[in-house]
Amino acid sequence: MDGTKAVRAAPWKREVVGELSGLLERYPVVGVLDISNLPARQFQQIRQKLRGEAEIVVAKNTLIELALQKASERD
C-alpha cells in the first residue's frame, strides 16, 4: 500500500459531491450558509424570493468540504 486510504462512499454521496463541485466551477460567486437554526417557513420564503435568480442546494457539511477540495484540485 502507498499510504492512501481507500474510501467507500454511498453512490448518492459521490453524486452530490460531483454536482456541488460542478456548481463551484460553473459559477463565479458561491455562497455557503448555515441554515441549521433557520425556521422552515423563513427558508421557504427565501427560496421563493430567489427562484429564477439563484440556485439553492442543501447539503451536508462534509460533502460540501469534499466538493470544495475536488473543485480546487481541478484549478
Foldseek 3Di string as FASTA:
>chain_A
DPPDDDDDDDPVLVVLLVVLLVVVVPDPDDDDDDCPPPDPVVVVVVCVVCVPPDDDDDDDPVSNVSSVVVNVVVD
